[in-house]
């Protein structure tokens, strides 16, 4: 049920008449909203074993489907991309969800002293494979421009939220909780969660926090902070609970650390905050300035500066008129510019051109 792969791309393609099948490992074989999901049992343990051996299982099943287009979402499946094209004569597309070479630089499980070398290898490998297939889809202009050096058929399909399905106006509007702010998403050290809880010690706010911690150790570290006493923790939540949290909060927080990959990302949570008319407090990344400053929908700060974060939380909670104006501006921008509905036609047109 992946947000981009199933909820957006597969459903959109099936809706307009493409016979769409999604191959997954260790899921459930079923048909959902016109998308045929086929699950393959795969019990190999360990990240490297999976990367090295899962492709063969996927390849054999993919060939048996006799598809006209194969759309690959996992970087490790680039190993079978050219082989799949030669074996079937079909079109092969690679969907790059992140800037993988830069993301490698932030991977904690890769020893730090070899990350730079691994990143350079991944760059060359990804570009070589991209040059040998029929098209590339990616989520930002920067990543698309990189792939255009290897393949002329590159399409930007941004990972914006499906705003029509959030339908915030039709739900019972909960009362705004006094002094409530929110963060919804993965709870990793580089997402600024620790700094956010530390900031609660220095401001008059309560944090509505939803998501799954990256590790037990990090969860224990954050929960041991004094600021945790001002956290309402929901854990991992579904769409309805996300909407409820958004509607009863006053500010959305998206203060990711300045890692190589985050600085060039477009976090979906920012657009969800905007669609819910929440002003945002965001990291001061150059790529995010047009979203936040040009749309006048929030404040940008150094995400590692706990004191500044606390100060700006207090500022927006105290200046309700300005916060309300920012929220309205963000909502208008989200629905006009940053919804999946603006990307769906681009995806379908790209597919029609490939076929």
Protein backbone atom coordinates (compact mmCIF):
# COMPACT_ATOMS: atom_id res chain seq x y z
CA UNK A 1 0.00 0.00 0.00
CA UNK A 2 3.01 2.29 -0.49
CA UNK A 3 1.99 5.93 -0.78
CA UNK A 4 3.75 6.67 -4.08
CA UNK A 5 3.83 3.28 -5.76
CA UNK A 6 0.34 1.96 -5.01
CA UNK A 7 -1.79 4.83 -3.71
CA UNK A 8 -0.70 7.25 -6.43
CA UNK A 9 0.92 5.70 -9.50
CA UNK A 10 -0.70 2.25 -9.68
CA UNK A 11 -4.18 3.53 -8.87
CA UNK A 12 -3.91 6.43 -11.32
CA UNK A 13 -2.78 4.15 -14.15
CA UNK A 14 -5.47 1.56 -13.44
CA UNK A 15 -8.12 4.27 -13.29
CA UNK A 16 -7.47 5.35 -16.89
CA UNK A 17 -7.43 1.81 -18.27
CA UNK A 18 -3.91 0.43 -17.94
CA UNK A 19 -3.88 -3.26 -16.96
CA UNK A 20 -1.76 -2.74 -13.85
CA UNK A 21 0.01 -5.39 -11.76
CA UNK A 22 2.12 -4.67 -8.68
CA UNK A 23 4.75 -7.23 -7.62
CA UNK A 24 5.63 -7.22 -3.92
CA UNK A 25 7.55 -9.43 -1.52
CA UNK A 26 5.80 -11.02 1.47
CA UNK A 27 2.54 -9.13 1.06
CA UNK A 28 -0.98 -10.25 0.12
CA UNK A 29 -2.13 -11.39 -3.31
CA UNK A 30 -5.35 -9.51 -4.03
CA UNK A 31 -6.95 -7.00 -6.37
CA UNK A 32 -7.47 -3.52 -4.93
CA UNK A 33 -9.14 -0.70 -6.89
CA UNK A 34 -8.32 -2.35 -10.20
CA UNK A 35 -4.67 -3.03 -9.31
CA UNK A 36 -3.66 -6.71 -9.29
CA UNK A 37 -1.22 -7.20 -6.42
CA UNK A 38 0.91 -10.35 -6.63
CA UNK A 39 2.92 -11.32 -3.56
CA UNK A 40 6.04 -13.47 -3.75
CA UNK A 41 7.22 -15.34 -0.65
CA UNK A 42 10.76 -14.36 0.21
CA UNK A 43 12.38 -15.35 3.48
CA UNK A 44 16.01 -14.28 3.03
CA UNK A 45 17.36 -12.44 6.08
CA UNK A 46 19.69 -9.46 5.98
CA UNK A 47 19.86 -6.30 3.84
CA UNK A 48 22.74 -7.34 1.58
CA UNK A 49 21.33 -10.81 0.87
CA UNK A 50 18.02 -9.25 -0.08
CA UNK A 51 19.68 -6.70 -2.37
CA UNK A 52 21.71 -9.39 -4.10
CA UNK A 53 19.10 -12.11 -4.49
CA UNK A 54 15.58 -10.66 -4.52
CA UNK A 55 15.98 -9.45 -8.11
CA UNK A 56 16.06 -12.96 -9.54
CA UNK A 57 12.73 -13.87 -7.97
CA UNK A 58 11.14 -10.63 -9.17
CA UNK A 59 12.65 -11.07 -12.65
CA UNK A 60 11.22 -14.57 -13.21
CA UNK A 61 7.73 -13.51 -12.18
CA UNK A 62 7.89 -10.28 -14.16
CA UNK A 63 8.82 -12.15 -17.35
CA UNK A 64 5.85 -14.49 -16.92
CA UNK A 65 3.45 -11.52 -16.89
CA UNK A 66 4.41 -10.54 -20.48
CA UNK A 67 3.90 -6.86 -19.73
CA UNK A 68 4.34 -4.04 -22.23
CA UNK A 69 5.97 -1.78 -19.63
CA UNK A 70 8.00 -2.68 -16.54
CA UNK A 71 8.19 0.13 -13.96
CA UNK A 72 11.00 -0.46 -11.42
CA UNK A 73 10.95 1.35 -8.07
CA UNK A 74 13.83 -0.20 -6.13
CA UNK A 75 17.44 0.72 -6.96
CA UNK A 76 18.53 -2.90 -6.49
CA UNK A 77 16.19 -3.87 -9.35
CA UNK A 78 18.40 -1.94 -11.78
CA UNK A 79 20.40 -5.18 -11.83
CA UNK A 80 17.60 -6.79 -13.86
CA UNK A 81 16.51 -3.75 -15.88
CA UNK A 82 18.51 -4.38 -19.05
CA UNK A 83 18.06 -8.15 -18.81
CA UNK A 84 14.30 -7.66 -18.53
CA UNK A 85 14.27 -5.42 -21.60
CA UNK A 86 16.29 -7.89 -23.67
CA UNK A 87 14.32 -10.93 -22.54
CA UNK A 88 10.84 -9.49 -23.14
CA UNK A 89 11.28 -6.70 -25.69
CA UNK A 90 9.14 -4.54 -23.38
CA UNK A 91 9.74 -0.95 -22.27
CA UNK A 92 11.53 -0.52 -18.95
CA UNK A 93 11.20 2.54 -16.68
CA UNK A 94 13.13 3.35 -13.51
CA UNK A 95 11.42 5.50 -10.85
CA UNK A 96 14.02 7.26 -8.68
CA UNK A 97 12.33 8.25 -5.42
CA UNK A 98 15.43 9.91 -3.92
CA UNK A 99 18.86 11.13 -4.96
CA UNK A 100 20.47 7.78 -4.23
CA UNK A 101 24.17 8.78 -4.48
CA UNK A 102 23.59 11.57 -1.94
CA UNK A 103 21.39 9.39 0.22
CA UNK A 104 24.22 6.85 0.52
CA UNK A 105 26.29 9.51 2.26
CA UNK A 106 23.74 9.48 5.13
CA UNK A 107 23.38 5.69 5.51
CA UNK A 108 24.42 4.75 9.06
CA UNK A 109 24.86 1.07 8.15
CA UNK A 110 27.59 1.91 5.61
CA UNK A 111 30.95 2.52 7.37
CA UNK A 112 31.66 6.26 7.23
CA UNK A 113 35.14 5.85 5.74
CA UNK A 114 33.80 4.21 2.56
CA UNK A 115 30.57 6.18 2.06
CA UNK A 116 32.13 8.62 -0.40
CA UNK A 117 33.51 5.79 -2.54
CA UNK A 118 30.21 3.91 -2.41
CA UNK A 119 28.35 7.09 -3.39
CA UNK A 120 30.58 7.59 -6.46
CA UNK A 121 30.12 3.96 -7.47
CA UNK A 122 26.34 4.20 -7.08
CA UNK A 123 26.29 7.37 -9.20
CA UNK A 124 28.16 5.73 -12.08
CA UNK A 125 26.16 2.51 -11.83
CA UNK A 126 22.78 4.26 -11.72
CA UNK A 127 23.66 6.52 -14.66
CA UNK A 128 24.94 3.60 -16.76
CA UNK A 129 21.76 1.60 -16.23
CA UNK A 130 19.64 4.69 -16.88
CA UNK A 131 21.28 5.10 -20.27
CA UNK A 132 20.25 1.58 -21.29
CA UNK A 133 16.50 1.69 -20.59
CA UNK A 134 13.50 3.52 -22.04
CA UNK A 135 12.73 6.20 -19.49
CA UNK A 136 13.27 7.68 -16.06
CA UNK A 137 10.74 9.13 -13.65
CA UNK A 138 11.84 11.12 -10.60
CA UNK A 139 10.53 13.45 -7.92
CA UNK A 140 12.57 16.68 -8.16
CA UNK A 141 14.03 18.83 -10.92
CA UNK A 142 17.56 18.34 -9.59
CA UNK A 143 17.37 14.55 -9.83
CA UNK A 144 15.72 14.74 -13.25
CA UNK A 145 18.45 17.04 -14.55
CA UNK A 146 21.09 14.57 -13.39
CA UNK A 147 19.43 11.70 -15.24
CA UNK A 148 19.06 13.79 -18.41
CA UNK A 149 22.84 13.44 -18.79
CA UNK A 150 22.26 9.72 -19.37
CA UNK A 151 18.77 9.50 -20.90
CA UNK A 152 16.76 12.07 -22.87
CA UNK A 153 13.41 10.58 -21.79
CA UNK A 154 13.11 11.86 -18.22
CA UNK A 155 9.84 12.87 -16.57
CA UNK A 156 9.26 14.81 -13.34
CA UNK A 157 6.38 13.32 -11.33
CA UNK A 158 6.50 15.01 -7.94
CA UNK A 159 5.44 13.11 -4.84
CA UNK A 160 2.67 15.46 -3.76
CA UNK A 161 -0.19 14.28 -1.50
CA UNK A 162 -3.62 13.21 -2.81
CA UNK A 163 -5.48 16.21 -1.46
CA UNK A 164 -8.88 15.19 -2.83
CA UNK A 165 -8.83 12.16 -0.54
CA UNK A 166 -7.91 14.14 2.55
CA UNK A 167 -11.22 16.03 2.16
CA UNK A 168 -10.65 18.09 5.28
CA UNK A 169 -13.84 20.09 4.83
CA UNK A 170 -16.16 17.06 5.07
CA UNK A 171 -14.92 15.72 8.43
CA UNK A 172 -16.11 16.87 11.82
CA UNK A 173 -13.72 19.66 12.74
CA UNK A 174 -12.18 19.01 16.18
CA UNK A 175 -11.44 21.94 18.45
CA UNK A 176 -7.94 23.32 18.06
CA UNK A 177 -5.92 22.27 21.07
CA UNK A 178 -4.44 25.26 22.86
CA UNK A 179 -0.72 25.60 22.14
CA UNK A 180 -0.64 22.36 20.08
CA UNK A 181 1.97 21.78 17.36
CA UNK A 182 2.49 18.59 15.35
CA UNK A 183 4.99 16.38 13.60
CA UNK A 184 3.80 13.38 11.56
CA UNK A 185 6.27 11.04 9.86
CA UNK A 186 9.25 8.78 10.42
CA UNK A 187 10.93 9.33 13.79
CA UNK A 188 14.63 9.19 12.90
CA UNK A 189 17.53 11.16 14.43
CA UNK A 190 18.01 13.12 11.19
CA UNK A 191 14.34 14.16 11.09
CA UNK A 192 14.94 16.61 13.94
CA UNK A 193 12.80 14.77 16.49
CA UNK A 194 15.27 15.04 19.36
CA UNK A 195 15.75 18.77 18.81
CA UNK A 196 11.98 19.27 18.64
CA UNK A 197 11.40 17.56 21.99
CA UNK A 198 14.31 19.53 23.48
CA UNK A 199 12.69 22.75 22.23
CA UNK A 200 9.56 21.94 24.23
CA UNK A 201 11.58 22.62 27.38
CA UNK A 202 11.93 26.26 26.30
CA UNK A 203 8.51 27.12 24.85
CA UNK A 204 4.86 27.05 25.85
CA UNK A 205 3.64 24.28 23.55
CA UNK A 206 2.38 20.70 23.43
CA UNK A 207 3.54 18.37 20.65
CA UNK A 208 1.19 15.97 18.86
CA UNK A 209 3.69 13.39 17.60
CA UNK A 210 2.83 10.51 15.26
CA UNK A 211 5.09 7.97 13.60
CA UNK A 212 7.33 4.99 14.27
CA UNK A 213 10.76 5.34 15.86
CA UNK A 214 13.73 4.14 13.81
CA UNK A 215 15.09 2.10 16.72
CA UNK A 216 14.32 1.17 20.31
CA UNK A 217 17.51 2.92 21.42
CA UNK A 218 16.52 6.22 19.79
CA UNK A 219 12.99 5.96 21.18
CA UNK A 220 14.35 5.50 24.70
CA UNK A 221 16.75 8.42 24.23
CA UNK A 222 13.99 10.80 23.14
CA UNK A 223 11.50 9.65 25.78
CA UNK A 224 14.11 10.29 28.49
CA UNK A 225 14.24 14.00 27.62
CA UNK A 226 12.44 16.40 30.00
CA UNK A 227 10.41 17.79 27.09
CA UNK A 228 8.75 14.40 26.55
CA UNK A 229 6.29 15.29 29.34
CA UNK A 230 4.72 17.74 26.85
CA UNK A 231 4.28 15.15 24.06
CA UNK A 232 1.06 13.41 23.04
CA UNK A 233 2.48 10.32 21.32
CA UNK A 234 0.19 8.48 18.89
CA UNK A 235 2.62 5.99 17.37
CA UNK A 236 2.05 4.90 13.77
CA UNK A 237 -1.35 6.14 12.58
CA UNK A 238 -3.64 5.80 9.55
CA UNK A 239 -5.14 8.46 7.28
CA UNK A 240 -8.15 9.29 9.47
CA UNK A 241 -5.97 9.78 12.55
CA UNK A 242 -3.53 11.92 10.56
CA UNK A 243 -6.37 14.21 9.54
CA UNK A 244 -7.58 14.47 13.14
CA UNK A 245 -4.08 15.40 14.38
CA UNK A 246 -3.65 18.00 11.64
CA UNK A 247 -6.99 19.63 12.33
CA UNK A 248 -6.48 19.98 16.08
CA UNK A 249 -2.92 21.35 15.80
CA UNK A 250 -1.82 24.92 15.19
CA UNK A 251 1.64 24.54 13.57
CA UNK A 252 3.30 21.85 11.44
CA UNK A 253 6.98 21.13 12.08
CA UNK A 254 9.34 19.93 9.34
CA UNK A 255 12.84 20.65 10.65
CA UNK A 256 14.88 17.92 8.97
CA UNK A 257 18.63 17.91 9.45
CA UNK A 258 20.78 19.39 6.64
CA UNK A 259 21.88 16.05 5.21
CA UNK A 260 22.82 15.75 1.55
CA UNK A 261 19.59 13.97 0.64
CA UNK A 262 17.17 16.03 2.74
CA UNK A 263 18.44 19.37 1.41
CA UNK A 264 17.20 18.36 -2.05
CA UNK A 265 14.03 16.56 -1.02
CA UNK A 266 10.40 17.68 -1.04
CA UNK A 267 8.88 16.15 2.12
CA UNK A 268 5.25 15.20 1.66
CA UNK A 269 4.47 16.17 5.26
CA UNK A 270 5.10 19.84 4.39
CA UNK A 271 2.37 19.77 1.76
CA UNK A 272 0.02 17.94 4.11
CA UNK A 273 0.53 20.65 6.74
CA UNK A 274 -0.12 23.31 4.12
CA UNK A 275 -3.28 21.58 2.88
CA UNK A 276 -4.60 21.57 6.47
CA UNK A 277 -4.04 25.35 6.70
CA UNK A 278 -1.20 24.98 9.20
CA UNK A 279 1.69 27.45 9.11
CA UNK A 280 4.96 25.56 8.93
CA UNK A 281 8.28 25.87 10.70
CA UNK A 282 10.78 24.40 8.26
CA UNK A 283 14.51 23.89 7.78
CA UNK A 284 16.21 26.78 6.00
CA UNK A 285 17.20 24.75 2.95
CA UNK A 286 17.72 26.70 -0.27
CA UNK A 287 15.43 24.36 -2.22
CA UNK A 288 12.58 24.90 0.24
CA UNK A 289 12.64 28.70 0.17
CA UNK A 290 10.27 29.04 -2.83
CA UNK A 291 7.78 26.74 -1.08
CA UNK A 292 7.80 28.48 2.28
CA UNK A 293 8.88 32.07 1.69
CA UNK A 294 7.40 32.73 -1.76
CA UNK A 295 4.08 31.24 -0.66
CA UNK A 296 4.27 33.12 2.67
CA UNK A 297 3.17 30.01 4.53
CA UNK A 298 5.71 29.73 7.34
CA UNK A 299 9.07 30.43 8.96
CA UNK A 300 12.45 28.93 8.12
CA UNK A 301 15.14 28.24 10.73
CA UNK A 302 18.40 26.41 11.34
CA UNK A 303 17.00 22.96 12.25
CA UNK A 304 19.87 22.28 14.67
CA UNK A 305 19.22 25.44 16.69
CA UNK A 306 16.93 24.32 19.54
CA UNK A 307 16.64 27.83 21.02
CA UNK A 308 15.53 29.34 17.70
CA UNK A 309 13.00 26.55 17.16
CA UNK A 310 11.46 27.19 20.58
CA UNK A 311 11.39 30.95 19.93
CA UNK A 312 9.56 30.59 16.61
CA UNK A 313 7.05 28.11 18.05
CA UNK A 314 6.18 30.63 20.75
CA UNK A 315 6.05 33.43 18.17
CA UNK A 316 3.49 31.72 15.92
CA UNK A 317 1.38 30.49 18.85
CA UNK A 318 1.28 34.05 20.21
CA UNK A 319 0.62 35.78 16.87
CA UNK A 320 -2.54 33.98 15.86
CA UNK A 321 -3.56 36.38 13.08
CA UNK A 322 -0.23 36.01 11.30
CA UNK A 323 -0.29 32.23 11.80
CA UNK A 324 -3.82 32.08 10.38
CA UNK A 325 -2.81 34.12 7.31
CA UNK A 326 0.20 31.84 6.72
CA UNK A 327 -2.04 28.79 7.03
CA UNK A 328 -4.53 30.11 4.48
CA UNK A 329 -1.76 31.04 2.04
CA UNK A 330 -0.24 27.58 2.35
CA UNK A 331 -3.58 25.88 1.79
CA UNK A 332 -4.24 27.88 -1.37
CA UNK A 333 -0.76 27.08 -2.70
CA UNK A 334 -1.07 23.37 -1.87
CA UNK A 335 -4.33 22.93 -3.75
CA UNK A 336 -3.21 25.06 -6.67
CA UNK A 337 0.33 23.76 -7.13
CA UNK A 338 1.28 20.83 -4.90
CA UNK A 339 -1.34 18.08 -5.12
CA UNK A 340 -1.09 14.63 -6.73
CA UNK A 341 -3.95 15.68 -8.97
CA UNK A 342 -1.50 18.06 -10.71
CA UNK A 343 0.90 15.14 -11.36
CA UNK A 344 -1.48 12.39 -12.40
CA UNK A 345 -1.92 13.67 -15.96
CA UNK A 346 1.87 13.98 -16.36
CA UNK A 347 2.32 10.32 -15.38
CA UNK A 348 -0.41 9.08 -17.74
CA UNK A 349 0.94 11.17 -20.64
CA UNK A 350 4.42 9.75 -20.04
CA UNK A 351 3.05 6.21 -20.13
CA UNK A 352 1.13 6.90 -23.33
CA UNK A 353 4.30 8.23 -24.94
CA UNK A 354 6.26 5.12 -23.83
CA UNK A 355 3.62 2.69 -25.10
